[in-house]
Protein backbone atom coordinates (compact mmCIF):
# COMPACT_ATOMS: atom_id res chain seq x y z
CA MET A 1 14.21 -153.62 28.68
CA SER A 2 11.06 -155.80 28.60
CA PHE A 3 8.02 -153.98 27.91
CA LEU A 4 6.12 -155.15 31.00
CA LEU A 5 9.14 -153.76 32.82
CA ALA A 6 9.04 -150.28 30.48
CA LEU A 7 5.37 -150.01 30.77
CA ALA A 8 5.40 -150.03 34.60
CA LEU A 9 7.82 -147.67 34.99
CA ALA A 10 6.10 -145.31 32.71
CA SER A 11 2.90 -145.63 34.62
CA GLY A 12 4.44 -145.24 37.69
CA THR A 13 3.79 -148.55 39.45
CA THR A 14 7.03 -149.46 40.11
CA ASN A 15 8.17 -149.99 44.18
CA THR A 16 11.59 -148.64 43.38
CA THR A 17 12.27 -148.77 47.69
CA PRO A 18 10.97 -151.25 50.23
CA GLN A 19 9.47 -147.98 51.99
CA ALA A 20 7.69 -147.41 48.53
CA ALA A 21 5.85 -151.06 48.91
CA ILE A 22 5.09 -150.49 52.29
CA GLU A 23 3.37 -147.07 51.60
CA ALA A 24 1.32 -149.02 48.74
CA TYR A 25 0.28 -151.56 51.60
CA GLY A 26 -1.42 -148.67 53.58
CA ARG A 27 -3.08 -147.42 50.92
CA ALA A 28 -4.46 -151.11 50.10
CA ILE A 29 -5.89 -151.25 53.41
CA ALA A 30 -6.90 -146.95 53.79
CA GLY A 31 -8.59 -147.33 50.71
CA SER A 32 -9.84 -151.08 50.24
CA ASP A 33 -7.91 -150.92 47.22
CA ALA A 34 -7.07 -154.70 45.79
CA LYS A 35 -5.22 -152.88 43.12
CA GLU A 36 -2.81 -151.38 45.55
CA LEU A 37 -2.74 -154.77 47.53
CA ALA A 38 -1.38 -156.13 44.23
CA ARG A 39 1.55 -153.49 43.42
CA ALA A 40 2.59 -154.25 47.49
CA PHE A 41 2.95 -157.34 47.59
CA GLN A 42 4.18 -160.73 45.74
CA PRO A 43 1.40 -162.86 44.71
CA SER A 44 2.31 -165.83 46.56
CA ALA A 45 2.99 -163.62 49.96
CA ILE A 46 1.16 -164.87 53.15
CA MET A 47 0.17 -163.08 55.60
CA TYR A 48 0.29 -164.63 59.38
CA CYS A 49 -1.42 -162.90 61.99
CA THR A 50 -1.89 -164.75 65.78
CA ASP A 51 -3.65 -163.52 68.89
CA GLY A 52 -1.05 -165.49 70.93
CA LYS A 53 -3.49 -168.63 70.87
CA VAL A 54 -4.37 -169.21 67.44
CA VAL A 55 -2.38 -168.61 64.30
CA ARG A 56 -4.36 -167.49 61.06
CA ALA A 57 -3.07 -167.69 57.32
CA THR A 58 -4.35 -165.36 54.81
CA TYR A 59 -3.19 -165.82 51.16
CA GLN A 60 -3.46 -162.52 48.65
CA ALA A 61 -6.83 -164.01 47.03
CA GLN A 62 -8.63 -164.11 50.11
CA TRP A 63 -7.17 -160.70 51.21
CA LYS A 64 -8.44 -159.16 48.41
CA THR A 65 -12.05 -160.75 48.76
CA ARG A 66 -12.38 -159.01 52.13
CA LEU A 67 -10.99 -155.84 50.85
CA ALA A 68 -13.58 -156.01 48.25
CA ALA A 69 -16.46 -156.79 50.25
CA ALA A 70 -15.37 -154.13 53.41
CA GLY A 71 -15.65 -150.95 51.75
CA ALA A 72 -13.98 -147.97 53.18
CA PRO A 73 -12.76 -148.86 56.49
CA SER A 74 -14.32 -146.85 59.65
CA GLY A 75 -11.82 -145.02 62.11
CA PRO A 76 -8.38 -144.02 61.71
CA VAL A 77 -6.26 -146.35 59.52
CA SER A 78 -2.17 -145.45 59.13
CA THR A 79 0.72 -147.51 58.37
CA VAL A 80 4.13 -146.35 59.77
CA ILE A 81 7.11 -147.86 59.26
CA ASP A 82 9.24 -148.02 62.71
CA TRP A 83 12.22 -149.97 61.80
CA LEU A 84 13.79 -151.41 58.58
CA ASP A 85 16.61 -153.27 57.79
CA GLN A 86 17.79 -153.29 54.06
CA SER A 87 20.96 -154.85 51.99
CA ASN A 88 21.39 -156.96 48.94
CA GLY A 89 18.23 -156.51 47.57
CA THR A 90 15.69 -157.67 50.35
CA ALA A 91 14.64 -156.13 53.41
CA LEU A 92 12.75 -156.36 56.68
CA ALA A 93 10.64 -153.70 58.64
CA ARG A 94 8.95 -153.34 61.47
CA ALA A 95 5.41 -150.79 60.93
CA THR A 96 2.95 -149.79 63.53
CA ALA A 97 -0.68 -150.30 61.92
CA VAL A 98 -3.70 -148.61 62.93
CA ARG A 99 -6.64 -150.07 62.22
CA GLY A 100 -9.60 -148.38 63.90
CA GLU A 101 -9.47 -148.75 67.49
CA THR A 102 -6.84 -151.39 67.36
CA VAL A 103 -3.27 -150.92 67.12
CA TYR A 104 -1.07 -153.89 65.19
CA VAL A 105 2.41 -154.56 65.00
CA ASP A 106 3.25 -155.67 61.46
CA TYR A 107 6.79 -157.56 60.59
CA LEU A 108 7.29 -157.16 56.82
CA LEU A 109 9.55 -159.42 54.55
CA LEU A 110 10.65 -157.86 51.26
CA ALA A 111 12.51 -158.42 48.27
CA LYS A 112 13.61 -156.67 45.04
CA LEU A 113 12.31 -158.03 42.24
CA ARG A 114 12.44 -157.58 38.33
CA ASP A 115 9.31 -155.07 38.17
CA GLY A 116 10.29 -153.17 41.67
CA TRP A 117 10.31 -154.28 45.31
CA ARG A 118 7.39 -156.52 46.76
CA ILE A 119 6.28 -157.43 50.22
CA VAL A 120 7.15 -161.59 50.32
CA GLY A 121 5.41 -162.20 53.54
CA LYS A 122 3.77 -160.74 56.63
CA LEU A 123 3.07 -161.11 60.30
CA CYS A 124 0.74 -159.26 62.63
CA GLN A 125 -0.33 -159.24 66.23
CA ALA A 126 -2.65 -156.72 67.98
CA GLY A 127 -2.12 -155.49 71.43
CA LEU A 128 1.37 -155.28 71.50
CA SER A 129 3.36 -152.85 73.64
CA ALA A 130 6.51 -151.05 72.28
CA ARG A 131 8.77 -152.96 74.75
CA GLU A 132 10.72 -155.71 73.18
CA SER A 133 10.16 -159.17 73.68
CA PRO A 134 13.07 -161.82 74.48
CA ALA A 135 14.64 -162.68 71.21
CA ALA A 136 16.37 -166.02 72.75
CA GLU A 137 13.71 -168.33 71.37
CA VAL A 138 13.93 -166.83 68.06
CA ASP A 139 17.87 -166.67 68.19
CA LYS A 140 17.48 -170.72 68.64
CA VAL A 141 15.35 -171.21 65.43
CA VAL A 142 18.38 -169.68 63.70
CA ASP A 143 20.67 -171.64 65.52
CA THR A 144 18.70 -175.07 64.35
CA LYS A 145 18.64 -173.95 60.84
CA LEU A 146 22.40 -172.98 60.59
CA ALA A 147 22.95 -176.64 62.02
CA ALA A 148 20.44 -178.11 59.55
CA ASP A 149 23.15 -176.62 56.73
CA ARG A 150 26.07 -177.42 58.26
CA ALA A 151 24.85 -180.93 58.85
CA TRP A 152 22.64 -181.16 56.11
CA ASP A 153 19.88 -182.50 58.30
CA PRO A 154 16.34 -182.28 57.05
CA GLU A 155 15.15 -183.11 60.31
CA LEU A 156 16.57 -180.05 61.73
CA LEU A 157 15.40 -177.91 59.36
CA GLU A 158 11.97 -179.36 59.47
CA ARG A 159 12.35 -178.10 63.17
CA SER A 160 13.07 -174.78 62.30
CA ILE A 161 10.71 -174.47 59.39
CA ASP A 162 6.99 -174.27 59.72
CA PRO A 163 5.29 -176.93 57.06
CA ARG A 164 3.32 -173.94 55.19
CA ALA A 165 6.64 -171.51 54.80
CA LEU A 166 8.28 -170.61 51.44
CA VAL A 167 11.82 -170.94 50.99
CA MET A 168 12.46 -168.21 48.78
CA THR A 169 15.17 -166.33 46.46
CA VAL A 170 15.78 -163.97 43.73
CA ASP A 171 17.08 -165.14 40.59
CA ASN A 172 18.13 -162.34 37.89
CA GLY A 173 15.40 -160.43 39.33
CA GLU A 174 12.87 -163.29 39.11
CA PHE A 175 11.28 -164.45 42.42
CA VAL A 176 11.64 -168.21 42.79
CA ALA A 177 10.00 -170.34 46.02
CA ALA A 178 10.42 -173.83 46.89
CA SER A 179 8.46 -175.85 49.69
CA VAL A 180 10.09 -177.07 52.86
CA PRO A 181 9.92 -180.77 51.53
CA GLU A 182 11.72 -179.74 48.60
CA TRP A 183 14.34 -178.32 50.76
CA GLN A 184 14.86 -181.12 52.55
CA ALA A 185 15.51 -183.51 49.48
CA ARG A 186 17.91 -181.14 48.49
CA TYR A 187 19.83 -181.59 51.58
CA VAL A 188 19.48 -185.32 51.46
CA ASP A 189 21.00 -185.00 48.38
CA ARG A 190 23.60 -182.58 49.02
CA ARG A 191 24.42 -185.25 51.86
CA MET A 192 25.27 -187.96 49.78
CA SER A 193 28.21 -186.03 48.63
CA SER A 194 29.20 -183.78 51.58
CA SER A 195 28.65 -184.45 55.31
CA GLY A 196 28.33 -180.84 55.75
CA SER A 197 29.25 -177.45 54.81
CA ALA A 198 31.52 -175.70 57.14
CA ILE A 199 29.78 -171.96 57.15
CA VAL A 200 30.80 -169.15 59.36
CA VAL A 201 28.28 -166.84 60.73
CA THR A 202 29.52 -162.95 59.87
CA GLY A 203 26.52 -161.56 61.47
CA ARG A 204 23.29 -161.52 62.58
CA ILE A 205 20.17 -159.49 64.00
CA SER A 206 16.87 -160.50 65.93
CA GLU A 207 13.67 -158.93 67.48
CA ALA A 208 10.51 -160.29 68.75
CA ARG A 209 7.03 -158.17 69.79
CA GLY A 210 4.72 -160.63 71.42
CA ASP A 211 4.48 -163.88 69.62
CA ILE A 212 5.99 -162.54 66.33
CA GLY A 213 9.75 -161.81 65.71
CA ILE A 214 12.52 -161.27 62.69
CA ALA A 215 16.09 -162.83 62.63
CA ARG A 216 18.60 -161.87 59.91
CA TRP A 217 22.00 -163.59 59.65
CA SER A 218 24.80 -163.75 57.23
CA PHE A 219 27.46 -166.29 56.45
CA HIS A 220 30.96 -167.28 54.40
CA ALA A 221 30.31 -170.54 52.52
CA PRO A 222 33.15 -172.62 51.76
CA ASP A 223 33.42 -172.34 48.43
CA GLY A 224 34.13 -168.44 49.16
CA SER A 225 30.41 -166.82 48.63
CA ASP A 226 28.65 -164.74 51.23
CA TRP A 227 24.85 -165.46 51.74
CA VAL A 228 22.18 -163.25 53.59
CA ASP A 229 19.20 -165.04 55.06
CA ARG A 230 16.07 -163.16 56.75
CA ALA A 231 13.21 -164.75 57.97
CA LEU A 232 10.15 -164.10 59.52
CA MET A 233 9.13 -166.03 62.71
CA ILE A 234 6.02 -167.04 65.12
CA ARG A 235 5.18 -168.74 68.23
CA GLN A 236 2.76 -171.46 67.91
CA SER A 237 1.86 -174.56 70.02
CA ALA A 238 5.17 -176.21 68.82
CA GLY A 239 7.25 -173.61 69.44
CA TRP A 240 8.73 -170.85 67.17
CA ARG A 241 9.13 -171.31 63.80
CA MET A 242 10.29 -169.51 60.54
CA VAL A 243 7.11 -168.83 58.32
CA ALA A 244 9.26 -167.30 55.81
CA LEU A 245 12.93 -167.63 54.60
CA LEU A 246 14.28 -165.28 51.89
CA PHE A 247 18.18 -165.88 51.18
CA VAL A 248 20.36 -164.14 48.44
CA LYS A 249 24.04 -164.04 47.45
CA ALA A 250 26.00 -160.80 49.17
CA GLY A 251 26.54 -158.24 46.34
CA THR A 252 23.73 -159.63 43.82
CA SER A 253 20.15 -159.69 44.40
CA GLY A 254 19.69 -163.22 43.71
CA ARG A 255 21.71 -166.59 43.61
């Protein structure tokens, strides 16, 4: 065990479950506490919020600065998990976040890292009803991503993932992320030696509220390996796109 991991365990700062990471996020907002925010979120995580017209992206340094400047929040503040889907060291959650007079739907993407569970991406939108929106457009984005994988097609990949998104995995407890252009370059490399990958989808779920949504799909690869992908999606002027994608090999916490 590394010294840093032992120190984290001894101090009780490790999030042992996805729920613990989300609880730390809730405490961060309730107490305007940047340290709790750092405990809850992986440092590269971006929060995307939309009002149905404009998408705003907030990275961690910006969020911590805002917390410090805001001081103690006024009015009721709570973060309640409504739904959680977890397996293979990754998870998706939907939470109801009350911030004063405003109620948000949060979608959270989480990964189990060496120092515990962390939120690696977040979506939010205010004023949504509890009723689901049709998830057909979310499903179409997944279909486009699967088509890109089957043909190693960088253009289809670009149509499914926002340019700012991170494509993430976990390798022996370490967080690994690459840009969309990097993944497009990898598809070009793979296409030089293979016409595509005959993957077989073994399961999928999707959900949407307003202009935000999630998807999880699993597939069996030709080499005999099985994979689980989870994604956050948001509707923008160009249509629905993934803004965070996390993949892991089934049965492990990373590739």
